[in-house]
Amino acid sequence: MGSRRMSTQIFPVRLSAAQQDAAYFHSYNHVGIHEEMIKDRIRTEAYRDAIFAHQEAIKDKVVIDVGCGTGILSIFCAAAGARKVYAVDASDIAVQAREVVKANGFSDVITVIVGRVEEIQLEEKADVIISEWMGYMLLYETMLPSVVCARDRWLKPGGLMLPSFATLYMAPITNPDRYGESIDFWRNVYGFDMSAILPLAKQCAFEEPCVEVITAENVKRIDCSTVTLEELETVTTTFSVPSIMRAHLHGFALWFNVSFGGDASCLPKSKAASNGTIPLVLSTAPEDPPTHWAQVCKLHVKFHLAVLHFLEQTILYVYEPVELQQDNLISGTFTMSQCKENPRFLNVHIEYSCGDRHFVKESVMR
């Protein structure tokens, strides 16, 4: 079903797992969320193009659309010639999806099912599973496990997963404007010193990841055909990136891409895959057009340290800027895990070093 602003989804951690899920699916009843996603032409057209690029694998075949929302991906699959499409969504928006399907003359092809994909029953196996499951930092909202469950229950051996691969990236950033607006502002307020507020200002501004419109270390590569539920519970990787200029480290930016039918995570854009084809890629990278997941409109990259001028991407800000000299190495460990109180939240833990200085950044993405 995609992702949207974090502020629209807040669950009290004391809710039971069933109540948390109910709140999550209820949040997708609002048509505005689906409007935002459908109006994201980069996202929607990438899926449409991927479906028709794989028309031979879809024509006369069975497709499951996990988290169908308003049904747009199911309709694309039906238009591409699918024999049967099971459009599954646990949100009440599926009721509207059923009407949309009917209005477009696809009721004989698309069956809309209101329910959790983990619990539904189907009469047949699928040749293709399609889903727009990505969230901020790729795994926010923890929808991919539902797709994996659908794959394990219903996908035929050798079946097609769309998207097929996903890669999460991370880069250290310097962003003095953002730091100045939120923190340095308190040092001189209409001529008065209000720096006593600085600790609270840092906590409020940087305690949680910021989603802002923002090159880099490969944090996690996911093969959607083979990834397991256990692998998704905790993601841990090491990183090491150099700075070749003098600047302040203000935080870490994260973004992702997904590819359809091939793995493009290690390929330059000008290169083809080993079979001679170029995988279709949906990217939220800084240099690409902005999406509803957001990324930079204006970015200057100073080798391995990104200088951001106007942002909208997932940013983990540090409380205190770290001064870097030319050739300083930023290295450490990145860990992202599902929150025990609510698995749709993400705990983020970064331990990093710059020379003999050691730091820890912890955050919860709610």
Protein backbone atom coordinates (compact mmCIF):
# COMPACT_ATOMS: atom_id res chain seq x y z
CA MET A 1 0.00 0.00 0.00
CA GLY A 2 2.98 2.28 0.12
CA SER A 3 3.92 4.88 2.66
CA ARG A 4 3.05 8.37 3.76
CA ARG A 5 3.98 11.01 6.31
CA MET A 6 4.87 9.44 9.62
CA SER A 7 2.76 11.95 11.53
CA THR A 8 -0.41 10.42 10.08
CA GLN A 9 0.28 7.11 11.80
CA ILE A 10 0.77 7.09 15.57
CA PHE A 11 -0.07 4.02 17.63
CA PRO A 12 -0.06 3.94 21.43
CA VAL A 13 2.48 1.26 22.29
CA ARG A 14 0.14 -0.23 24.92
CA LEU A 15 -2.32 -1.44 22.31
CA SER A 16 -2.48 -5.15 21.68
CA ALA A 17 -1.03 -6.49 18.43
CA ALA A 18 -4.54 -6.89 17.01
CA GLN A 19 -5.45 -3.32 17.97
CA GLN A 20 -2.23 -2.00 16.44
CA ASP A 21 -2.98 -3.77 13.18
CA ALA A 22 -6.55 -2.50 13.21
CA ALA A 23 -5.30 1.06 13.71
CA TYR A 24 -2.77 0.62 10.90
CA PHE A 25 -5.31 -0.64 8.39
CA HIS A 26 -7.84 1.97 9.49
CA SER A 27 -5.31 4.69 8.66
CA TYR A 28 -5.50 3.55 5.03
CA ASN A 29 -9.26 4.11 4.84
CA HIS A 30 -8.66 7.79 4.11
CA VAL A 31 -8.72 8.51 0.40
CA GLY A 32 -6.09 11.25 0.74
CA ILE A 33 -3.34 8.71 1.36
CA HIS A 34 -4.22 6.86 -1.83
CA GLU A 35 -4.53 10.11 -3.76
CA GLU A 36 -0.99 11.04 -2.75
CA MET A 37 0.37 7.69 -3.87
CA ILE A 38 -1.50 7.56 -7.18
CA LYS A 39 -0.50 11.15 -8.00
CA ASP A 40 3.11 10.13 -7.51
CA ARG A 41 3.71 9.57 -11.22
CA ILE A 42 7.24 8.25 -10.71
CA ARG A 43 5.90 5.50 -8.48
CA THR A 44 2.67 4.68 -10.34
CA GLU A 45 4.13 4.80 -13.83
CA ALA A 46 7.08 2.64 -12.76
CA TYR A 47 4.67 -0.05 -11.65
CA ARG A 48 2.55 0.32 -14.80
CA ASP A 49 5.63 0.10 -17.02
CA ALA A 50 6.93 -2.90 -15.09
CA ILE A 51 3.63 -4.72 -15.48
CA PHE A 52 3.53 -4.21 -19.24
CA ALA A 53 7.24 -4.98 -19.55
CA HIS A 54 6.40 -8.37 -18.02
CA GLN A 55 3.20 -8.85 -20.00
CA GLU A 56 4.31 -12.27 -21.23
CA ALA A 57 4.59 -13.46 -17.64
CA ILE A 58 1.20 -11.93 -16.73
CA LYS A 59 -0.99 -12.66 -19.76
CA ASP A 60 -3.42 -15.52 -19.05
CA LYS A 61 -1.84 -15.97 -15.62
CA VAL A 62 -2.94 -15.54 -11.99
CA VAL A 63 -1.78 -12.46 -10.08
CA ILE A 64 -2.06 -11.53 -6.40
CA ASP A 65 -1.93 -7.81 -5.55
CA VAL A 66 -0.98 -7.54 -1.86
CA GLY A 67 -2.27 -4.32 -0.31
CA CYS A 68 -4.26 -3.33 -3.40
CA GLY A 69 -5.58 -0.04 -2.03
CA THR A 70 -7.82 1.54 -4.66
CA GLY A 71 -6.96 -1.25 -7.10
CA ILE A 72 -4.81 0.61 -9.63
CA LEU A 73 -2.10 -2.08 -9.86
CA SER A 74 -4.73 -4.81 -10.20
CA ILE A 75 -6.32 -2.89 -13.05
CA PHE A 76 -2.95 -2.55 -14.77
CA CYS A 77 -2.49 -6.32 -14.49
CA ALA A 78 -5.97 -6.98 -15.87
CA ALA A 79 -5.29 -4.60 -18.75
CA ALA A 80 -2.05 -6.53 -19.40
CA GLY A 81 -4.10 -9.68 -19.95
CA ALA A 82 -4.08 -11.47 -16.60
CA ARG A 83 -6.59 -14.32 -16.44
CA LYS A 84 -7.29 -13.68 -12.76
CA VAL A 85 -6.22 -11.03 -10.28
CA TYR A 86 -6.80 -11.38 -6.55
CA ALA A 87 -6.73 -7.87 -5.09
CA VAL A 88 -6.21 -8.19 -1.33
CA ASP A 89 -6.43 -5.44 1.27
CA ALA A 90 -7.30 -5.47 4.96
CA SER A 91 -8.41 -1.83 4.82
CA ASP A 92 -11.97 -0.77 4.05
CA ILE A 93 -10.66 1.08 1.00
CA ALA A 94 -11.05 -2.31 -0.70
CA VAL A 95 -14.80 -1.68 -0.77
CA GLN A 96 -14.14 1.31 -3.02
CA ALA A 97 -11.65 -0.74 -5.02
CA ARG A 98 -14.42 -3.21 -5.82
CA GLU A 99 -16.54 -0.38 -7.22
CA VAL A 100 -13.58 0.95 -9.23
CA VAL A 101 -13.00 -2.50 -10.71
CA LYS A 102 -16.68 -2.78 -11.64
CA ALA A 103 -16.77 0.69 -13.21
CA ASN A 104 -13.84 -0.21 -15.44
CA GLY A 105 -15.32 -3.50 -16.60
CA PHE A 106 -12.85 -5.85 -14.88
CA SER A 107 -15.15 -7.61 -12.41
CA ASP A 108 -14.81 -10.87 -14.32
CA VAL A 109 -11.02 -10.75 -13.94
CA ILE A 110 -10.36 -9.00 -10.61
CA THR A 111 -11.67 -10.38 -7.33
CA VAL A 112 -11.30 -7.92 -4.46
CA ILE A 113 -10.82 -9.60 -1.09
CA VAL A 114 -11.13 -7.64 2.16
CA GLY A 115 -8.83 -9.30 4.67
CA ARG A 116 -5.29 -9.96 5.79
CA VAL A 117 -3.23 -11.84 3.23
CA GLU A 118 -1.94 -14.02 6.07
CA GLU A 119 -5.47 -15.27 6.73
CA ILE A 120 -7.33 -15.37 3.40
CA GLN A 121 -7.96 -18.54 1.40
CA LEU A 122 -7.61 -18.76 -2.38
CA GLU A 123 -8.71 -21.46 -4.78
CA GLU A 124 -5.45 -21.53 -6.75
CA LYS A 125 -1.78 -20.66 -6.73
CA ALA A 126 -0.45 -17.49 -8.35
CA ASP A 127 2.08 -16.97 -11.11
CA VAL A 128 2.83 -13.39 -10.09
CA ILE A 129 2.74 -11.43 -6.83
CA ILE A 130 2.81 -7.66 -7.05
CA SER A 131 2.81 -5.21 -4.16
CA GLU A 132 3.81 -1.66 -3.40
CA TRP A 133 5.10 -2.43 0.08
CA MET A 134 7.97 0.04 0.51
CA GLY A 135 7.98 2.54 3.36
CA TYR A 136 10.36 5.21 4.56
CA MET A 137 13.81 3.68 5.08
CA LEU A 138 12.42 0.91 2.83
CA LEU A 139 11.08 -1.23 5.69
CA TYR A 140 8.97 1.25 7.70
CA GLU A 141 5.43 -0.05 8.34
CA THR A 142 6.72 -3.63 8.06
CA MET A 143 4.54 -4.56 5.10
CA LEU A 144 7.14 -6.71 3.36
CA PRO A 145 6.59 -9.63 5.78
CA SER A 146 2.98 -9.81 4.55
CA VAL A 147 4.25 -10.02 0.98
CA VAL A 148 6.71 -12.75 1.98
CA CYS A 149 3.85 -14.62 3.65
CA ALA A 150 1.78 -14.37 0.45
CA ARG A 151 4.77 -15.61 -1.54
CA ASP A 152 5.28 -18.61 0.71
CA ARG A 153 1.59 -19.50 0.74
CA TRP A 154 0.49 -18.82 -2.82
CA LEU A 155 3.30 -18.26 -5.34
CA LYS A 156 4.05 -21.12 -7.71
CA PRO A 157 7.68 -22.34 -7.86
CA GLY A 158 9.61 -20.01 -10.15
CA GLY A 159 6.85 -17.39 -9.97
CA LEU A 160 7.50 -13.70 -10.51
CA MET A 161 7.81 -11.17 -7.70
CA LEU A 162 7.23 -7.50 -8.58
CA PRO A 163 9.31 -5.73 -7.43
CA SER A 164 12.04 -8.35 -7.54
CA PHE A 165 14.90 -6.71 -5.63
CA ALA A 166 15.25 -3.82 -3.21
CA THR A 167 18.30 -1.98 -1.91
CA LEU A 168 18.61 0.46 1.00
CA TYR A 169 21.39 3.07 0.93
CA MET A 170 22.85 5.39 3.56
CA ALA A 171 25.13 8.41 3.32
CA PRO A 172 26.55 10.87 5.85
CA ILE A 173 25.33 14.41 5.25
CA THR A 174 26.20 17.95 6.14
CA ASN A 175 23.28 20.36 6.37
CA PRO A 176 24.20 23.55 8.25
CA ASP A 177 21.01 25.36 7.21
CA ARG A 178 18.76 22.80 8.87
CA TYR A 179 20.88 22.77 12.02
CA GLY A 180 20.94 26.54 12.15
CA GLU A 181 17.17 26.85 11.75
CA SER A 182 16.36 24.40 14.53
CA ILE A 183 19.27 24.79 16.97
CA ASP A 184 21.46 27.86 16.51
CA PHE A 185 18.31 29.99 16.39
CA TRP A 186 18.06 29.75 20.20
CA ARG A 187 21.46 31.33 20.77
CA ASN A 188 20.14 34.77 19.86
CA VAL A 189 16.38 35.37 20.02
CA TYR A 190 15.63 39.03 19.38
CA GLY A 191 18.93 39.87 21.06
CA PHE A 192 18.44 37.58 24.06
CA ASP A 193 20.32 34.39 24.93
CA MET A 194 17.90 31.44 25.04
CA SER A 195 20.56 28.76 24.70
CA ALA A 196 19.22 27.12 27.86
CA ILE A 197 16.60 25.62 25.54
CA LEU A 198 19.24 23.98 23.32
CA PRO A 199 19.14 20.50 24.94
CA LEU A 200 15.36 20.36 24.61
CA ALA A 201 15.50 21.79 21.08
CA LYS A 202 17.94 19.08 20.01
CA GLN A 203 15.80 16.39 21.57
CA CYS A 204 12.62 17.64 19.88
CA ALA A 205 14.24 18.25 16.51
CA PHE A 206 16.46 15.21 16.18
CA GLU A 207 15.19 12.47 18.49
CA GLU A 208 13.20 10.76 15.71
CA PRO A 209 14.10 10.36 12.05
CA CYS A 210 12.98 13.29 9.93
CA VAL A 211 11.33 12.68 6.58
CA GLU A 212 12.55 15.40 4.28
CA VAL A 213 12.44 15.71 0.00
CA ILE A 214 16.82 14.70 -0.12
CA THR A 215 26.37 8.77 -2.66
CA ALA A 216 26.41 6.11 -0.46
CA GLU A 217 26.78 2.89 1.37
CA ASN A 218 24.66 -0.14 0.47
CA VAL A 219 22.95 -0.94 3.77
CA LYS A 220 20.70 -3.83 2.75
CA ARG A 221 19.93 -5.71 -0.46
CA ILE A 222 16.73 -7.76 -0.54
CA ASP A 223 15.88 -10.52 -3.00
CA CYS A 224 12.08 -10.61 -2.80
CA SER A 225 12.02 -14.19 -4.06
CA THR A 226 14.14 -15.59 -1.25
CA VAL A 227 14.14 -13.19 1.73
CA THR A 228 12.80 -14.71 4.95
CA LEU A 229 10.73 -13.24 7.75
CA GLU A 230 13.62 -13.73 10.15
CA GLU A 231 15.95 -11.66 7.94
CA LEU A 232 13.53 -8.74 8.10
CA GLU A 233 13.33 -8.60 11.88
CA THR A 234 16.80 -7.08 12.20
CA VAL A 235 19.06 -5.55 9.54
CA THR A 236 22.69 -4.98 10.51
CA THR A 237 25.58 -3.83 8.36
CA THR A 238 28.91 -2.06 8.67
CA PHE A 239 29.85 1.04 6.70
CA SER A 240 32.95 3.06 5.98
CA VAL A 241 32.94 6.24 3.89
CA PRO A 242 35.62 8.92 3.55
CA SER A 243 35.26 12.67 3.58
CA ILE A 244 37.55 14.51 1.21
CA MET A 245 36.62 17.97 2.41
CA ARG A 246 36.39 19.88 5.64
CA ALA A 247 32.80 20.00 6.86
CA HIS A 248 30.48 19.16 9.74
CA LEU A 249 28.67 15.83 9.88
CA HIS A 250 25.05 16.57 10.75
CA GLY A 251 23.48 13.18 10.23
CA PHE A 252 22.78 10.29 7.89
CA ALA A 253 20.38 10.15 4.93
CA LEU A 254 18.68 6.95 3.82
CA TRP A 255 16.96 6.09 0.56
CA PHE A 256 16.15 3.03 -1.52
CA ASN A 257 15.48 1.66 -4.95
CA VAL A 258 13.56 -1.37 -6.16
CA SER A 259 13.96 -3.16 -9.48
CA PHE A 260 11.47 -5.21 -11.45
CA GLY A 261 12.56 -8.49 -12.98
CA GLY A 262 16.29 -8.00 -12.40
CA ASP A 263 18.77 -6.82 -9.82
CA ALA A 264 20.03 -3.33 -10.62
CA SER A 265 21.57 -2.61 -7.20
CA CYS A 266 25.14 -3.01 -8.42
CA LEU A 267 24.71 -1.80 -11.98
CA PRO A 268 25.50 1.68 -13.29
CA LYS A 269 22.46 3.07 -15.01
CA SER A 270 24.16 2.81 -18.38
CA LYS A 271 24.88 -0.90 -17.96
CA ALA A 272 22.62 -3.78 -18.89
CA ALA A 273 22.08 -6.92 -16.86
CA SER A 274 23.85 -10.13 -17.81
CA ASN A 275 20.94 -11.20 -20.01
CA GLY A 276 21.21 -8.00 -22.03
CA THR A 277 18.17 -6.29 -20.51
CA ILE A 278 18.08 -3.20 -18.34
CA PRO A 279 16.05 -3.78 -15.16
CA LEU A 280 13.29 -1.25 -14.67
CA VAL A 281 14.14 0.67 -11.50
CA LEU A 282 12.00 2.78 -9.18
CA SER A 283 14.47 4.97 -7.31
CA THR A 284 14.22 7.44 -4.46
CA ALA A 285 17.89 8.39 -4.78
CA PRO A 286 18.93 12.03 -4.41
CA GLU A 287 19.74 12.48 -8.10
CA ASP A 288 16.37 11.12 -9.28
CA PRO A 289 12.99 12.91 -9.57
CA PRO A 290 11.18 13.28 -6.22
CA THR A 291 8.53 10.76 -5.16
CA HIS A 292 6.00 10.63 -2.33
CA TRP A 293 8.74 8.85 -0.36
CA ALA A 294 10.65 12.05 -1.10
CA GLN A 295 14.20 12.98 -1.87
CA VAL A 296 16.37 15.93 -2.83
CA CYS A 297 15.41 18.62 -5.19
CA LYS A 298 18.83 20.20 -4.97
CA LEU A 299 21.90 18.24 -3.92
CA HIS A 300 25.60 18.76 -4.30
CA VAL A 301 27.69 15.68 -3.61
CA LYS A 302 31.20 16.23 -2.30
CA PHE A 303 32.43 12.72 -3.02
CA HIS A 304 31.20 10.64 -0.06
CA LEU A 305 29.78 13.52 1.98
CA ALA A 306 26.48 14.87 0.71
CA VAL A 307 25.83 18.61 1.06
CA LEU A 308 22.09 19.19 1.18
CA HIS A 309 20.47 22.47 0.24
CA PHE A 310 16.80 21.47 0.02
CA LEU A 311 15.71 18.17 1.44
CA GLU A 312 12.92 15.71 1.66
CA GLN A 313 14.20 12.29 2.58
CA THR A 314 14.65 10.18 5.69
CA ILE A 315 17.34 11.88 7.77
CA LEU A 316 18.81 10.70 11.06
CA TYR A 317 20.26 13.86 12.60
CA VAL A 318 22.95 13.70 15.27
CA TYR A 319 22.59 15.88 18.36
CA GLU A 320 26.02 17.49 18.04
CA PRO A 321 27.67 18.20 14.66
CA VAL A 322 30.98 16.40 14.18
CA GLU A 323 33.75 18.41 12.57
CA LEU A 324 35.47 16.46 9.81
CA GLN A 325 38.77 17.13 8.15
CA GLN A 326 39.79 16.09 4.68
CA ASP A 327 40.39 12.31 4.43
CA ASN A 328 38.63 11.57 7.72
CA LEU A 329 36.95 8.16 7.63
CA ILE A 330 33.40 7.77 8.96
CA SER A 331 32.91 4.13 9.85
CA GLY A 332 30.58 2.15 12.02
CA THR A 333 27.61 -0.18 12.32
CA PHE A 334 24.00 0.42 11.26
CA THR A 335 21.21 -1.65 12.82
CA MET A 336 17.51 -1.40 12.07
CA SER A 337 15.03 -3.69 13.85
CA GLN A 338 11.32 -4.07 14.35
CA CYS A 339 10.09 -2.49 17.57
CA LYS A 340 8.94 -5.10 20.09
CA GLU A 341 6.01 -2.96 21.26
CA ASN A 342 4.79 -2.41 17.71
CA PRO A 343 6.55 -4.24 14.86
CA ARG A 344 5.43 -1.59 12.36
CA PHE A 345 7.80 0.84 14.10
CA LEU A 346 11.55 0.67 13.52
CA ASN A 347 14.38 0.97 16.04
CA VAL A 348 17.52 2.47 14.52
CA HIS A 349 20.94 2.22 16.15
CA ILE A 350 24.08 3.69 14.59
CA GLU A 351 27.51 3.42 16.15
CA TYR A 352 30.13 5.37 14.25
CA SER A 353 33.66 6.65 14.61
CA CYS A 354 35.62 9.52 13.14
CA GLY A 355 39.27 9.04 13.99
CA ASP A 356 39.52 8.43 17.73
CA ARG A 357 36.05 9.89 18.37
CA HIS A 358 33.19 7.45 18.93
CA PHE A 359 29.45 8.21 18.79
CA VAL A 360 26.09 6.49 19.11
CA LYS A 361 22.80 7.55 17.51
CA GLU A 362 19.57 5.83 18.53
CA SER A 363 16.13 6.59 17.19
CA VAL A 364 12.63 5.15 16.84
CA MET A 365 10.67 5.66 13.63
CA ARG A 366 7.02 5.80 14.67
